[in-house]
Amino acid sequence: MKKSAFIISSALLVLSTLFSCKKATNAESIRIEDRPKIMWVDFDANWTRFSNPDTARYYIKKVADCGFNHLVIDVKATKSAVAFNSSVAPKIKTLRGVDMPDNFNYLDTMITIGRENGMKVFASLNVFCEGTNPEKQGILYGDKKAWETEYYFADGIISKADDMEGPGTAFMNPAIPEVQNYARSVVLDLISNYDLDGVMLDRGRYEGIGSDFSQFSKNKFEEYIGEKVETFPQDIYEWVKDDKGQITRKPGKWYQKWIEWRASVIYNFFKTTRDSIKAVKPNIMFGNYTGAWYPSYFEVGVNWASKEYDPSKDFDWATPEYKNYALNELFDLYTNGNYYVDVTLDELREHGLRIKNETDSEYSIGEHLCVEGACDYSRKLLCGRPFYGGMYVEQYYDSTDRFQRAVKMNLKKSDGFMLFDICHIIRQNWFDLLKQAIDEAEQELRETQNETK
């Protein structure tokens, strides 16, 4: 029996025979202490502090002393401007009242500091975000207005976000070729001019299930299916009230093919971008970051699983062709956000929480909605390919015990670890707690490894 798009039973985690995955190369051969431990440095949250190289050097050294060996430097947030010298995108001039001097190369400085501490350095970019609403900052509020996505809102209106109350981040429409070309050109400009170990893409997706419903997308979808959509958007889906008065979606004739087509748009962007990057710098690592909530992540047009997994066997929103647009084999490094307060399956079962993740239109339930369950589920979806479980530190401010257990669970259940973001570790002064959790997790992994030899 197929599962619905949002109510995922606990059996999904244990029916591994449905996955029929081929065993892929994993990270077991890497020394435990050398497995990727990735610290994210968000630009917006850290610029005030890290605009001083001495301060940046101090904190990155503390991170390295905790055992981190990868550094992700955010250089393009959601407002179009970038934190590096670019011939393509506008450069950030000032943030939070602190200017970026013309003679200060922030990214070069961070690369140098990372390398001083034996770390691989990646730069991250938010791909399809180009503005904020209601501040109206970014290229979508300039001469690229036509690139902005059009939303199908729950009241039935199709509109751009700034025309009515809508999302805080303004997304481009990924289906527009010029949008993909621009996003790719920023990435290529970056890697061509900086000595990076890798590039990490973030928000390489649609904003949500309600985007994009422009005439342009309708035309491209009709080209994809080779037919006309007679009633748009109702033939995709309708927003309707259920018997409890809640707004929900009623799939239409072309709903599944629409989901498939959107995944093809994102896949083709990543495939072409990878090929373009490797043509310029064959040895640079191509990375991606997504949310871990796969059963509802189709809403943003992303199939982050392995191509060996067929979601049509488990989900009623997936066509048999949906698996053709699986992304994971394109990536040299992949991390997903296990952004859950509950660490263990026992905690999740005890609380029985419904969770609405960042990109979801509705609440979900299921055993993938805790750190342990998300790691187990990712392992199955990726068919043995390595992944690095991520955590959002702010979720654990009220419990140092839960924070440490989340660190350890990600390290033990995935092939490494990604932490978002360094600003929270600094704010809470949790460096010692972080190091202790990493050391204990790695020691337990060594003991387990020795027992199995």
Protein backbone atom coordinates (compact mmCIF):
# COMPACT_ATOMS: atom_id res chain seq x y z
CA MET A 1 0.00 0.00 0.00
CA LYS A 2 1.30 3.45 -0.85
CA LYS A 3 1.66 6.04 1.85
CA SER A 4 0.02 9.44 1.59
CA ALA A 5 2.15 12.49 1.01
CA PHE A 6 2.00 13.57 4.63
CA ILE A 7 0.98 10.71 6.91
CA ILE A 8 3.96 8.38 6.91
CA SER A 9 3.63 5.28 9.02
CA SER A 10 6.44 3.94 11.13
CA ALA A 11 6.58 0.90 8.87
CA LEU A 12 8.31 3.06 6.28
CA LEU A 13 11.55 2.76 8.23
CA VAL A 14 11.53 -1.00 8.51
CA LEU A 15 10.28 -2.13 5.11
CA SER A 16 13.78 -2.08 3.73
CA THR A 17 13.00 -4.86 1.28
CA LEU A 18 11.00 -2.38 -0.77
CA PHE A 19 14.04 -0.30 -1.47
CA SER A 20 15.97 -2.88 -3.53
CA CYS A 21 19.11 -0.78 -3.29
CA LYS A 22 22.43 -1.86 -4.65
CA LYS A 23 25.22 -1.53 -2.09
CA ALA A 24 27.19 1.61 -2.82
CA THR A 25 30.61 2.63 -1.56
CA ASN A 26 30.26 4.18 1.90
CA ALA A 27 32.52 5.95 4.36
CA GLU A 28 33.43 2.92 6.49
CA SER A 29 37.01 2.82 5.19
CA ILE A 30 37.77 6.35 6.44
CA ARG A 31 39.40 6.63 9.86
CA ILE A 32 36.76 7.60 12.39
CA GLU A 33 38.58 10.79 13.42
CA ASP A 34 38.94 11.78 9.74
CA ARG A 35 35.28 11.48 8.81
CA PRO A 36 33.87 14.84 7.73
CA LYS A 37 32.83 17.09 10.61
CA ILE A 38 31.47 20.20 8.99
CA MET A 39 31.05 23.60 10.67
CA TRP A 40 28.79 26.08 8.88
CA VAL A 41 29.56 29.81 9.07
CA ASP A 42 26.48 31.80 8.13
CA PHE A 43 27.48 35.19 6.77
CA ASP A 44 24.58 37.23 8.07
CA ALA A 45 24.82 35.84 11.61
CA ASN A 46 28.61 36.04 11.87
CA TRP A 47 29.73 39.06 9.84
CA THR A 48 29.78 41.51 12.75
CA ARG A 49 32.16 39.21 14.60
CA PHE A 50 34.15 37.74 11.71
CA SER A 51 34.75 41.02 9.94
CA ASN A 52 37.73 41.11 12.29
CA PRO A 53 40.27 38.50 11.05
CA ASP A 54 41.78 38.06 14.50
CA THR A 55 38.37 37.20 15.95
CA ALA A 56 37.65 34.83 13.09
CA ARG A 57 41.02 33.15 13.57
CA TYR A 58 40.36 32.71 17.30
CA TYR A 59 37.00 31.01 16.85
CA ILE A 60 37.94 28.85 13.86
CA LYS A 61 40.90 27.55 15.89
CA LYS A 62 38.47 26.61 18.68
CA VAL A 63 36.30 24.80 16.14
CA ALA A 64 39.28 22.86 14.79
CA ASP A 65 40.28 21.94 18.35
CA CYS A 66 36.82 20.38 18.74
CA GLY A 67 37.64 18.07 15.84
CA PHE A 68 36.02 19.82 12.88
CA ASN A 69 37.87 19.30 9.62
CA HIS A 70 35.52 20.98 7.12
CA LEU A 71 34.47 24.63 7.07
CA VAL A 72 31.52 25.94 5.04
CA ILE A 73 31.71 29.70 4.50
CA ASP A 74 28.40 31.23 3.48
CA VAL A 75 29.03 33.81 0.74
CA LYS A 76 25.54 34.30 -0.73
CA ALA A 77 22.51 34.55 1.50
CA THR A 78 18.98 35.42 0.32
CA LYS A 79 19.35 39.07 -0.68
CA SER A 80 21.39 38.64 -3.89
CA ALA A 81 24.56 40.41 -2.72
CA VAL A 82 27.61 38.21 -2.22
CA ALA A 83 30.52 38.24 0.21
CA PHE A 84 33.23 37.80 -2.41
CA ASN A 85 34.63 39.76 -5.32
CA SER A 86 32.29 38.98 -8.18
CA SER A 87 31.94 40.18 -11.75
CA VAL A 88 28.41 38.75 -11.85
CA ALA A 89 26.58 39.44 -8.60
CA PRO A 90 26.45 42.63 -6.52
CA LYS A 91 28.81 42.65 -3.55
CA ILE A 92 27.73 43.28 0.03
CA LYS A 93 28.73 46.77 1.12
CA THR A 94 27.52 46.80 4.69
CA LEU A 95 25.67 44.50 7.06
CA ARG A 96 24.33 45.13 10.54
CA GLY A 97 26.02 48.50 10.55
CA VAL A 98 29.47 47.07 9.77
CA ASP A 99 31.02 48.01 6.43
CA MET A 100 33.00 45.63 4.26
CA PRO A 101 36.12 47.58 3.29
CA ASP A 102 37.01 47.54 -0.39
CA ASN A 103 40.44 46.13 0.41
CA PHE A 104 39.17 43.32 2.68
CA ASN A 105 38.70 39.98 0.93
CA TYR A 106 36.52 38.12 3.42
CA LEU A 107 36.47 34.78 1.61
CA ASP A 108 40.22 34.67 0.98
CA THR A 109 40.77 35.45 4.66
CA MET A 110 38.48 32.62 5.77
CA ILE A 111 40.13 30.18 3.34
CA THR A 112 43.52 31.07 4.78
CA ILE A 113 42.31 30.65 8.36
CA GLY A 114 40.66 27.32 7.57
CA ARG A 115 43.80 25.99 5.91
CA GLU A 116 45.92 27.14 8.84
CA ASN A 117 43.84 24.78 10.94
CA GLY A 118 44.02 21.83 8.56
CA MET A 119 40.44 22.19 7.34
CA LYS A 120 38.90 21.75 3.92
CA VAL A 121 37.09 24.94 2.98
CA PHE A 122 33.82 25.10 1.06
CA ALA A 123 31.87 28.19 0.04
CA SER A 124 28.09 28.00 0.15
CA LEU A 125 25.53 29.86 -1.92
CA ASN A 126 21.77 30.13 -1.67
CA VAL A 127 20.92 29.29 -5.26
CA PHE A 128 17.42 30.43 -6.23
CA CYS A 129 16.87 33.09 -3.52
CA GLU A 130 17.30 36.61 -4.80
CA GLY A 131 15.44 38.93 -2.46
CA THR A 132 13.50 39.41 0.73
CA ASN A 133 9.92 40.43 1.32
CA PRO A 134 8.80 42.88 2.69
CA GLU A 135 12.24 44.59 2.73
CA LYS A 136 12.36 44.26 -1.08
CA GLN A 137 16.12 43.85 -1.25
CA GLY A 138 17.66 41.89 -4.09
CA ILE A 139 17.74 41.71 -7.86
CA LEU A 140 14.10 40.58 -8.04
CA TYR A 141 13.18 44.08 -6.95
CA GLY A 142 15.20 45.54 -9.79
CA ASP A 143 15.42 44.69 -13.46
CA LYS A 144 14.95 40.93 -12.85
CA LYS A 145 11.39 41.21 -11.60
CA ALA A 146 10.21 38.85 -14.35
CA TRP A 147 12.26 36.05 -12.79
CA GLU A 148 10.32 36.01 -9.53
CA THR A 149 8.21 32.95 -8.85
CA GLU A 150 4.41 33.18 -8.92
CA TYR A 151 2.56 31.48 -6.08
CA TYR A 152 -0.71 29.60 -6.05
CA PHE A 153 -2.08 30.77 -2.72
CA ALA A 154 -4.69 28.95 -0.66
CA ASP A 155 -7.36 31.49 -1.60
CA GLY A 156 -6.94 30.44 -5.22
CA ILE A 157 -5.09 33.56 -6.33
CA ILE A 158 -1.91 33.27 -8.38
CA SER A 159 0.41 36.16 -7.60
CA LYS A 160 3.97 37.18 -6.84
CA ALA A 161 4.84 37.26 -3.16
CA ASP A 162 5.20 41.02 -2.86
CA ASP A 163 1.74 41.61 -4.35
CA MET A 164 0.14 40.15 -1.24
CA GLU A 165 1.12 38.64 2.10
CA GLY A 166 3.46 35.82 1.21
CA PRO A 167 6.84 34.18 1.83
CA GLY A 168 9.60 36.21 3.46
CA THR A 169 12.20 35.03 0.96
CA ALA A 170 11.72 35.87 -2.69
CA PHE A 171 12.55 32.94 -4.96
CA MET A 172 13.27 32.91 -8.64
CA ASN A 173 11.39 30.51 -10.90
CA PRO A 174 13.89 27.66 -11.47
CA ALA A 175 12.21 26.64 -14.74
CA ILE A 176 13.32 29.83 -16.52
CA PRO A 177 16.54 29.10 -18.46
CA GLU A 178 17.93 32.58 -17.80
CA VAL A 179 17.42 32.00 -14.06
CA GLN A 180 19.43 28.79 -14.17
CA ASN A 181 22.12 30.43 -16.28
CA TYR A 182 22.44 33.33 -13.85
CA ALA A 183 22.58 31.09 -10.77
CA ARG A 184 25.19 28.91 -12.45
CA SER A 185 27.25 31.90 -13.54
CA VAL A 186 27.55 33.07 -9.92
CA VAL A 187 28.83 29.63 -8.90
CA LEU A 188 31.33 29.49 -11.77
CA ASP A 189 32.52 33.02 -11.06
CA LEU A 190 33.16 31.97 -7.46
CA ILE A 191 35.11 28.79 -8.13
CA SER A 192 37.13 30.36 -10.95
CA ASN A 193 38.56 33.03 -8.69
CA TYR A 194 39.00 31.35 -5.31
CA ASP A 195 41.12 28.42 -4.16
CA LEU A 196 38.35 26.34 -2.64
CA ASP A 197 38.16 22.66 -1.81
CA GLY A 198 34.49 22.64 -2.66
CA VAL A 199 31.28 24.52 -3.25
CA MET A 200 28.06 23.82 -1.35
CA LEU A 201 24.68 24.73 -2.81
CA ASP A 202 21.73 25.54 -0.57
CA ARG A 203 18.09 26.29 -1.46
CA GLY A 204 18.53 24.76 -4.90
CA ARG A 205 14.79 24.22 -4.97
CA TYR A 206 11.34 25.67 -5.39
CA GLU A 207 10.07 27.75 -2.48
CA GLY A 208 7.16 25.39 -1.76
CA ILE A 209 4.31 23.38 -3.21
CA GLY A 210 2.59 26.62 -4.26
CA SER A 211 5.35 27.66 -6.66
CA ASP A 212 5.73 28.18 -9.56
CA PHE A 213 2.33 28.65 -11.24
CA SER A 214 3.25 31.28 -13.81
CA GLN A 215 2.16 31.11 -17.44
CA PHE A 216 5.79 30.35 -18.27
CA SER A 217 5.76 27.24 -16.05
CA LYS A 218 2.42 26.13 -17.48
CA ASN A 219 3.86 26.35 -21.00
CA LYS A 220 7.01 24.43 -20.05
CA PHE A 221 4.97 21.75 -18.32
CA GLU A 222 2.78 21.33 -21.39
CA GLU A 223 5.93 20.88 -23.47
CA TYR A 224 7.09 18.22 -21.00
CA ILE A 225 3.86 16.15 -21.14
CA GLY A 226 3.12 16.86 -24.79
CA GLU A 227 -0.46 17.92 -24.03
CA LYS A 228 -2.45 20.99 -23.10
CA VAL A 229 -3.60 21.54 -19.53
CA GLU A 230 -7.24 22.43 -19.99
CA THR A 231 -7.97 23.90 -16.55
CA PHE A 232 -5.01 25.51 -14.81
CA PRO A 233 -4.17 25.30 -11.97
CA GLN A 234 -7.07 23.03 -10.96
CA ASP A 235 -5.83 20.19 -13.18
CA ILE A 236 -2.67 20.28 -11.08
CA TYR A 237 -4.45 20.55 -7.74
CA GLU A 238 -7.12 22.58 -5.98
CA TRP A 239 -7.02 24.17 -2.56
CA VAL A 240 -10.16 22.93 -0.76
CA LYS A 241 -11.55 22.85 2.77
CA ASP A 242 -11.76 19.47 4.43
CA ASP A 243 -14.53 18.37 6.80
CA LYS A 244 -12.72 20.11 9.64
CA GLY A 245 -12.53 23.42 7.80
CA GLN A 246 -8.80 23.07 7.12
CA ILE A 247 -7.37 24.10 3.76
CA THR A 248 -5.79 21.16 1.97
CA ARG A 249 -4.88 20.05 -1.55
CA LYS A 250 -7.04 17.97 -3.85
CA PRO A 251 -4.82 16.46 -6.57
CA GLY A 252 -5.94 16.94 -10.14
CA LYS A 253 -5.41 15.06 -13.39
CA TRP A 254 -1.80 16.16 -13.83
CA TYR A 255 -0.67 16.34 -10.18
CA GLN A 256 1.82 13.47 -10.27
CA LYS A 257 3.32 14.53 -13.60
CA TRP A 258 3.66 18.10 -12.27
CA ILE A 259 5.60 16.78 -9.27
CA GLU A 260 7.77 14.76 -11.64
CA TRP A 261 8.35 17.71 -13.99
CA ARG A 262 9.43 20.02 -11.16
CA ALA A 263 11.94 17.38 -10.01
CA SER A 264 13.26 17.23 -13.58
CA VAL A 265 13.79 21.01 -13.56
CA ILE A 266 15.89 20.86 -10.40
CA TYR A 267 17.76 17.76 -11.56
CA ASN A 268 18.72 19.33 -14.88
CA PHE A 269 20.01 22.42 -13.10
CA PHE A 270 22.23 20.39 -10.78
CA LYS A 271 23.42 18.08 -13.55
CA THR A 272 24.42 20.95 -15.84
CA THR A 273 25.96 22.88 -12.95
CA ARG A 274 28.06 19.91 -11.88
CA ASP A 275 29.27 19.38 -15.44
CA SER A 276 30.14 23.07 -15.77
CA ILE A 277 32.02 23.14 -12.47
CA LYS A 278 34.02 20.03 -13.27
CA ALA A 279 34.95 21.46 -16.69
CA VAL A 280 36.55 24.42 -14.91
CA LYS A 281 38.01 22.64 -11.87
CA PRO A 282 37.78 18.84 -12.13
CA ASN A 283 38.97 18.21 -8.59
CA ILE A 284 36.74 20.65 -6.74
CA MET A 285 34.05 18.97 -4.65
CA PHE A 286 30.42 19.60 -5.54
CA GLY A 287 28.20 19.59 -2.46
CA ASN A 288 24.56 20.08 -1.62
CA TYR A 289 22.48 20.63 1.50
CA THR A 290 18.78 19.83 1.88
CA GLY A 291 16.26 19.17 4.59
CA ALA A 292 16.07 15.55 5.74
CA TRP A 293 12.26 15.24 5.52
CA TYR A 294 12.11 13.26 2.27
CA PRO A 295 8.41 12.19 2.45
CA SER A 296 7.36 15.83 2.03
CA TYR A 297 10.43 17.27 0.30
CA PHE A 298 8.85 16.63 -3.09
CA GLU A 299 6.93 19.84 -2.35
CA VAL A 300 10.05 21.83 -3.25
CA GLY A 301 10.87 19.84 -6.36
CA VAL A 302 13.83 17.94 -4.93
CA ASN A 303 14.49 14.20 -5.02
CA TRP A 304 17.66 13.94 -2.92
CA ALA A 305 17.65 10.15 -2.79
CA SER A 306 19.86 7.72 -4.69
CA LYS A 307 18.84 6.79 -8.21
CA GLU A 308 18.67 3.20 -6.93
CA TYR A 309 15.59 4.00 -4.83
CA ASP A 310 12.12 4.04 -6.42
CA PRO A 311 9.76 6.26 -4.40
CA SER A 312 6.74 5.30 -6.53
CA LYS A 313 6.61 2.05 -4.55
CA ASP A 314 6.01 3.99 -1.35
CA PHE A 315 4.32 7.29 -2.18
CA ASP A 316 1.19 8.13 -4.11
CA TRP A 317 2.65 11.43 -5.34
CA ALA A 318 5.53 9.74 -7.18
CA THR A 319 5.41 8.42 -10.72
CA PRO A 320 7.65 5.52 -11.79
CA GLU A 321 9.70 8.13 -13.67
CA TYR A 322 10.29 10.28 -10.58
CA LYS A 323 13.33 8.18 -9.67
CA ASN A 324 15.02 9.32 -12.91
CA TYR A 325 15.55 12.72 -11.29
CA ALA A 326 17.32 11.52 -8.14
CA LEU A 327 20.15 13.89 -7.32
CA ASN A 328 22.48 12.14 -4.92
CA GLU A 329 24.87 10.57 -7.38
CA LEU A 330 25.67 14.07 -8.64
CA PHE A 331 27.20 15.13 -5.31
CA ASP A 332 30.69 14.62 -3.94
CA LEU A 333 29.46 15.68 -0.51
CA TYR A 334 25.90 15.69 0.77
CA THR A 335 24.50 16.84 4.09
CA ASN A 336 20.90 17.01 5.24
CA GLY A 337 19.34 18.80 8.16
CA ASN A 338 18.03 16.45 10.84
CA TYR A 339 16.39 19.47 12.42
CA TYR A 340 14.40 17.79 15.16
CA VAL A 341 14.13 18.41 18.90
CA ASP A 342 13.64 14.72 19.63
CA VAL A 343 16.90 12.81 19.36
CA THR A 344 15.80 9.19 19.71
CA LEU A 345 12.93 7.13 18.32
CA ASP A 346 11.80 6.45 21.90
CA GLU A 347 11.48 10.18 22.57
CA LEU A 348 9.51 10.70 19.38
CA ARG A 349 7.16 7.82 20.17
CA GLU A 350 6.65 9.16 23.69
CA HIS A 351 5.83 12.67 22.51
CA GLY A 352 3.88 11.65 19.41
CA LEU A 353 4.52 15.06 17.93
CA ARG A 354 3.25 16.31 14.62
CA ILE A 355 5.95 18.33 12.92
CA LYS A 356 5.74 20.94 10.21
CA ASN A 357 9.19 21.33 8.71
CA GLU A 358 10.45 24.55 7.14
CA THR A 359 9.35 23.68 3.60
CA ASP A 360 6.14 21.79 4.43
CA SER A 361 2.62 22.94 3.63
CA GLU A 362 1.06 20.58 6.19
CA TYR A 363 2.03 18.66 9.31
CA SER A 364 3.71 15.27 9.04
CA ILE A 365 4.02 12.29 11.34
CA GLY A 366 6.42 9.39 11.13
CA GLU A 367 9.55 7.86 12.59
CA HIS A 368 11.79 9.90 10.30
CA LEU A 369 10.97 13.01 12.38
CA CYS A 370 13.72 12.66 14.97
CA VAL A 371 17.50 12.61 14.65
CA GLU A 372 17.84 8.84 14.98
CA GLY A 373 14.94 8.09 12.65
CA ALA A 374 16.06 10.62 10.07
CA CYS A 375 19.53 9.09 9.92
CA ASP A 376 18.13 5.58 9.60
CA TYR A 377 15.75 6.68 6.88
CA SER A 378 18.43 8.60 4.97
CA ARG A 379 20.64 5.51 5.05
CA LYS A 380 17.93 3.52 3.27
CA LEU A 381 17.07 6.23 0.75
CA LEU A 382 20.72 6.74 -0.18
CA CYS A 383 21.42 3.02 -0.64
CA GLY A 384 24.79 3.13 1.09
CA ARG A 385 26.00 6.44 -0.28
CA PRO A 386 27.63 8.60 2.43
CA PHE A 387 25.77 11.50 4.02
CA TYR A 388 26.48 13.83 6.90
CA GLY A 389 23.66 14.38 9.35
CA GLY A 390 23.11 18.02 10.21
CA MET A 391 21.80 19.71 13.33
CA TYR A 392 20.42 23.15 14.12
CA VAL A 393 21.90 24.14 17.47
CA GLU A 394 19.26 26.69 18.45
CA GLN A 395 16.74 23.85 18.88
CA TYR A 396 18.71 22.65 21.91
CA TYR A 397 19.22 25.88 23.84
CA ASP A 398 17.10 24.57 26.72
CA SER A 399 19.05 21.32 27.18
CA THR A 400 22.79 20.76 27.00
CA ASP A 401 22.14 17.04 27.44
CA ARG A 402 19.92 16.89 24.38
CA PHE A 403 22.43 18.99 22.44
CA GLN A 404 25.22 16.54 23.17
CA ARG A 405 23.07 13.53 22.41
CA ALA A 406 22.08 15.04 19.04
CA VAL A 407 25.75 15.58 18.17
CA LYS A 408 26.55 11.99 19.09
CA MET A 409 23.55 10.53 17.27
CA ASN A 410 24.45 12.30 14.02
CA LEU A 411 28.05 11.13 14.28
CA LYS A 412 27.13 7.55 15.07
CA LYS A 413 24.25 7.13 12.63
CA SER A 414 25.56 9.03 9.61
CA ASP A 415 29.00 9.17 7.99
CA GLY A 416 30.09 12.38 9.70
CA PHE A 417 28.37 15.46 11.01
CA MET A 418 27.31 18.98 10.01
CA LEU A 419 26.58 21.70 12.55
CA PHE A 420 24.59 24.84 11.83
CA ASP A 421 25.84 27.27 12.96
CA ILE A 422 29.02 28.44 14.68
CA CYS A 423 27.25 31.54 15.99
CA HIS A 424 25.18 29.39 18.36
CA ILE A 425 28.23 27.63 19.77
CA ILE A 426 29.84 31.00 20.36
CA ARG A 427 26.69 32.48 21.89
CA GLN A 428 26.20 29.57 24.28
CA ASN A 429 29.95 29.01 24.83
CA TRP A 430 29.45 25.31 24.15
CA PHE A 431 32.89 24.53 22.72
CA ASP A 432 33.79 22.22 25.61
CA LEU A 433 30.41 20.47 25.44
CA LEU A 434 30.79 20.06 21.69
CA LYS A 435 34.29 18.62 21.94
CA GLN A 436 33.23 16.23 24.69
CA ALA A 437 30.29 14.94 22.62
CA ILE A 438 32.46 14.45 19.52
CA ASP A 439 35.22 12.70 21.48
CA GLU A 440 32.76 10.36 23.20
CA ALA A 441 30.94 9.51 19.99
CA GLU A 442 34.15 8.76 18.14
CA GLN A 443 35.45 6.62 21.00
CA GLU A 444 32.23 4.60 21.00
CA LEU A 445 32.55 4.17 17.23
CA ARG A 446 36.11 2.91 17.62
CA GLU A 447 35.03 0.40 20.24
CA THR A 448 32.23 -0.84 18.02
CA GLN A 449 34.59 -1.04 15.06
CA ASN A 450 37.08 -3.10 17.09
CA GLU A 451 34.34 -5.47 18.25
CA THR A 452 33.31 -6.23 14.68
CA LYS A 453 36.85 -6.97 13.46
